[in-house]
Amino acid sequence: MLNVVLVEPEIPANTGNIGRTCVLVGARLHLVGPMGFDLSHKAVQRAGLAYWESLDLHTYRTWDAFVEEALPNGIDASTHLFTKAGAHVYSETTYGPDDWLVFGKESAGLSDELLRTYPTRTVRIPMRDDSSLVNQDGWHSKHAQLHPELRQDICGNYVDERVGQITSLNLSNAVAIAVFEALRQQDFAGLETR
């Protein structure tokens, strides 16, 4: 079963969207803390996540706890670390049925230490230079308060104006792209290429 891992997710709506995608395709969702939101039954119910009980969900307090419990053999060829500066393009990477697609938190991605330790396991989703698409009036107020150096473009991506480029795809979009490619390679029913 395909495994989607979110490390320190911050935005509950992204996690909700990703959870729904996992339910629909039969993937497991692993959430590594600390998280920026509450996952109590009451909070999930209030958010209207009716499918949440159908989700194969595993949670871990920290990255070290996740590795110890879920990856007893450590990070290996079945682990794909998604980052904007990955060594491999997502569509040129081979995915197995039990692989781990690992994504970092919305504001900062995966830790530099992790990416430096496993550079051959890094994967990227190519993006064009998006500086011409920046919506100058499109501040996402909550995120802007937390990270005033970032602006949100018209696609919902966060742009670091110091370098004039997208810092990342919206997390739920990035996960959907990666999951679709992994399932396409495994001939998932309904994803036949023409």
Protein backbone atom coordinates (compact mmCIF):
# COMPACT_ATOMS: atom_id res chain seq x y z
CA MET A 1 0.00 0.00 0.00
CA LEU A 2 1.33 3.43 -0.95
CA ASN A 3 2.33 5.59 2.04
CA VAL A 4 1.99 9.39 2.12
CA VAL A 5 3.96 11.07 4.90
CA LEU A 6 3.40 14.67 6.03
CA VAL A 7 6.14 15.97 8.32
CA GLU A 8 4.92 18.71 10.68
CA PRO A 9 1.90 19.76 8.58
CA GLU A 10 0.65 23.25 9.44
CA ILE A 11 -2.56 23.83 7.48
CA PRO A 12 -5.51 21.58 8.39
CA ALA A 13 -7.28 22.05 5.04
CA ASN A 14 -4.26 20.66 3.19
CA THR A 15 -4.15 17.63 5.46
CA GLY A 16 -7.91 17.15 5.02
CA ASN A 17 -7.58 17.23 1.22
CA ILE A 18 -4.65 14.82 1.33
CA GLY A 19 -6.58 12.51 3.67
CA ARG A 20 -9.49 12.41 1.22
CA THR A 21 -7.10 11.58 -1.63
CA CYS A 22 -5.60 8.75 0.44
CA VAL A 23 -9.04 7.31 1.18
CA LEU A 24 -10.03 7.42 -2.50
CA VAL A 25 -6.89 5.65 -3.74
CA GLY A 26 -6.34 3.32 -0.78
CA ALA A 27 -3.12 4.90 0.48
CA ARG A 28 -2.00 5.22 4.10
CA LEU A 29 -1.49 8.67 5.59
CA HIS A 30 1.28 9.16 8.14
CA LEU A 31 1.34 12.44 10.10
CA VAL A 32 4.59 13.33 11.86
CA GLY A 33 4.41 15.92 14.62
CA PRO A 34 4.42 18.43 15.88
CA MET A 35 1.36 19.45 13.86
CA GLY A 36 -0.14 22.89 13.57
CA PHE A 37 -3.69 21.73 14.34
CA ASP A 38 -5.81 19.42 16.48
CA LEU A 39 -6.76 15.91 15.32
CA SER A 40 -9.15 15.08 18.14
CA HIS A 41 -12.44 13.38 17.25
CA LYS A 42 -14.27 16.60 18.12
CA ALA A 43 -12.07 18.72 15.82
CA VAL A 44 -12.38 16.26 12.93
CA GLN A 45 -16.15 16.08 13.39
CA ARG A 46 -16.44 19.88 13.54
CA ALA A 47 -14.45 20.15 10.29
CA GLY A 48 -16.96 17.86 8.56
CA LEU A 49 -14.40 15.24 7.56
CA ALA A 50 -16.95 12.43 7.19
CA TYR A 51 -14.43 10.22 5.40
CA TRP A 52 -11.83 10.54 8.21
CA GLU A 53 -12.95 7.29 9.87
CA SER A 54 -12.21 5.46 6.59
CA LEU A 55 -8.67 6.85 6.47
CA ASP A 56 -5.77 4.49 7.24
CA LEU A 57 -4.08 7.05 9.50
CA HIS A 58 -0.90 6.71 11.55
CA THR A 59 0.49 9.50 13.73
CA TYR A 60 3.93 9.97 15.29
CA ARG A 61 5.11 12.53 17.82
CA THR A 62 8.44 13.22 16.07
CA TRP A 63 10.50 12.38 12.99
CA ASP A 64 12.69 10.03 15.03
CA ALA A 65 9.62 8.17 16.32
CA PHE A 66 8.33 7.85 12.75
CA VAL A 67 11.61 6.39 11.48
CA GLU A 68 11.84 4.00 14.42
CA GLU A 69 8.24 2.76 14.11
CA ALA A 70 7.56 2.92 10.37
CA LEU A 71 10.99 2.62 8.74
CA PRO A 72 12.93 0.09 10.83
CA ASN A 73 15.41 -0.34 7.97
CA GLY A 74 15.86 3.41 7.69
CA ILE A 75 15.50 5.56 4.62
CA ASP A 76 16.10 3.40 1.56
CA ALA A 77 15.14 3.14 -2.12
CA SER A 78 11.45 2.97 -1.21
CA THR A 79 11.59 6.42 0.41
CA HIS A 80 11.10 9.54 -1.73
CA LEU A 81 11.79 12.92 -0.11
CA PHE A 82 9.94 15.66 -2.02
CA THR A 83 11.63 19.04 -2.17
CA LYS A 84 11.82 21.90 -4.67
CA ALA A 85 15.54 21.20 -5.19
CA GLY A 86 15.33 17.41 -5.50
CA ALA A 87 17.94 15.43 -7.43
CA HIS A 88 15.31 13.51 -9.43
CA VAL A 89 12.20 14.56 -11.33
CA TYR A 90 9.04 12.94 -9.91
CA SER A 91 7.97 11.53 -13.30
CA GLU A 92 11.40 9.95 -13.89
CA THR A 93 11.42 8.25 -10.49
CA THR A 94 10.29 4.64 -10.12
CA TYR A 95 7.73 3.96 -7.39
CA GLY A 96 6.81 0.61 -5.87
CA PRO A 97 3.46 -0.36 -4.35
CA ASP A 98 4.66 0.08 -0.74
CA ASP A 99 6.79 3.20 -1.22
CA TRP A 100 6.92 6.23 1.06
CA LEU A 101 6.20 9.70 -0.40
CA VAL A 102 7.51 12.16 2.20
CA PHE A 103 6.55 15.86 2.22
CA GLY A 104 7.60 18.63 4.59
CA LYS A 105 5.62 21.38 6.25
CA GLU A 106 4.04 24.08 4.14
CA SER A 107 6.23 26.97 5.29
CA ALA A 108 9.66 25.32 5.14
CA GLY A 109 9.53 21.85 3.56
CA LEU A 110 11.74 19.06 4.85
CA SER A 111 14.72 19.87 7.03
CA ASP A 112 18.00 20.78 5.33
CA GLU A 113 19.74 18.18 7.47
CA LEU A 114 17.50 15.39 6.18
CA LEU A 115 17.91 16.51 2.57
CA ARG A 116 21.70 16.75 2.93
CA THR A 117 21.86 13.31 4.56
CA TYR A 118 19.86 11.60 1.78
CA PRO A 119 20.45 13.64 -1.41
CA THR A 120 19.91 10.65 -3.71
CA ARG A 121 16.41 10.12 -2.27
CA THR A 122 15.21 13.65 -3.11
CA VAL A 123 12.52 14.22 -5.72
CA ARG A 124 11.18 17.44 -7.25
CA ILE A 125 8.14 18.49 -9.20
CA PRO A 126 9.44 20.91 -11.87
CA MET A 127 7.85 24.34 -11.94
CA ARG A 128 8.33 27.22 -14.31
CA ASP A 129 9.62 30.54 -13.04
CA ASP A 130 6.47 31.96 -11.50
CA SER A 131 7.64 35.51 -10.75
CA SER A 132 5.43 36.90 -13.52
CA LEU A 133 2.32 35.33 -11.93
CA VAL A 134 2.66 36.88 -8.49
CA ASN A 135 -0.58 38.53 -7.46
CA GLN A 136 0.71 41.72 -5.82
CA ASP A 137 -2.57 42.19 -3.95
CA GLY A 138 -2.99 38.51 -3.04
CA TRP A 139 -1.61 38.34 0.49
CA HIS A 140 -2.86 35.33 2.37
CA SER A 141 -3.28 37.17 5.67
CA LYS A 142 -2.67 34.38 8.20
CA HIS A 143 0.35 32.98 6.37
CA ALA A 144 1.66 36.47 5.70
CA GLN A 145 1.59 37.20 9.43
CA LEU A 146 3.60 34.08 10.16
CA HIS A 147 6.01 34.53 7.26
CA PRO A 148 6.02 38.16 6.09
CA GLU A 149 8.73 37.41 3.51
CA LEU A 150 6.29 35.20 1.57
CA ARG A 151 3.42 36.19 -0.70
CA GLN A 152 0.78 33.93 -2.18
CA ASP A 153 0.44 33.86 -5.96
CA ILE A 154 -2.74 33.31 -7.96
CA CYS A 155 -2.27 29.53 -7.85
CA GLY A 156 -2.04 29.38 -4.07
CA ASN A 157 1.72 28.87 -4.09
CA TYR A 158 3.91 30.79 -1.67
CA VAL A 159 6.52 33.01 -3.28
CA ASP A 160 9.68 34.20 -1.58
CA GLU A 161 10.10 37.65 -3.05
CA ARG A 162 13.74 37.77 -1.97
CA VAL A 163 14.49 35.27 -4.74
CA GLY A 164 11.40 35.87 -6.90
CA GLN A 165 10.43 32.20 -7.14
CA ILE A 166 7.79 29.86 -5.80
CA THR A 167 8.86 28.34 -2.53
CA SER A 168 6.58 25.35 -3.04
CA LEU A 169 3.42 24.05 -4.61
CA ASN A 170 0.38 23.99 -2.41
CA LEU A 171 1.01 20.84 -0.35
CA SER A 172 -2.22 19.08 -1.32
CA ASN A 173 -1.49 19.74 -5.01
CA ALA A 174 2.06 18.39 -4.72
CA VAL A 175 0.85 15.24 -2.97
CA ALA A 176 -1.86 14.67 -5.60
CA ILE A 177 0.70 14.99 -8.42
CA ALA A 178 3.10 12.55 -6.76
CA VAL A 179 0.41 10.03 -5.78
CA PHE A 180 -1.07 10.08 -9.29
CA GLU A 181 2.34 9.33 -10.82
CA ALA A 182 3.09 6.52 -8.35
CA LEU A 183 -0.30 4.93 -9.01
CA ARG A 184 -0.01 5.41 -12.78
CA GLN A 185 3.24 3.45 -12.73
CA GLN A 186 1.45 0.63 -10.88
CA ASP A 187 -1.43 0.45 -13.38
CA PHE A 188 -3.97 1.61 -10.82
CA ALA A 189 -7.48 0.96 -12.14
CA GLY A 190 -8.88 4.00 -13.90
CA LEU A 191 -5.53 5.67 -14.51
CA GLU A 192 -4.73 3.97 -17.80
CA THR A 193 -2.69 6.14 -20.13
CA ARG A 194 -3.85 6.53 -23.69
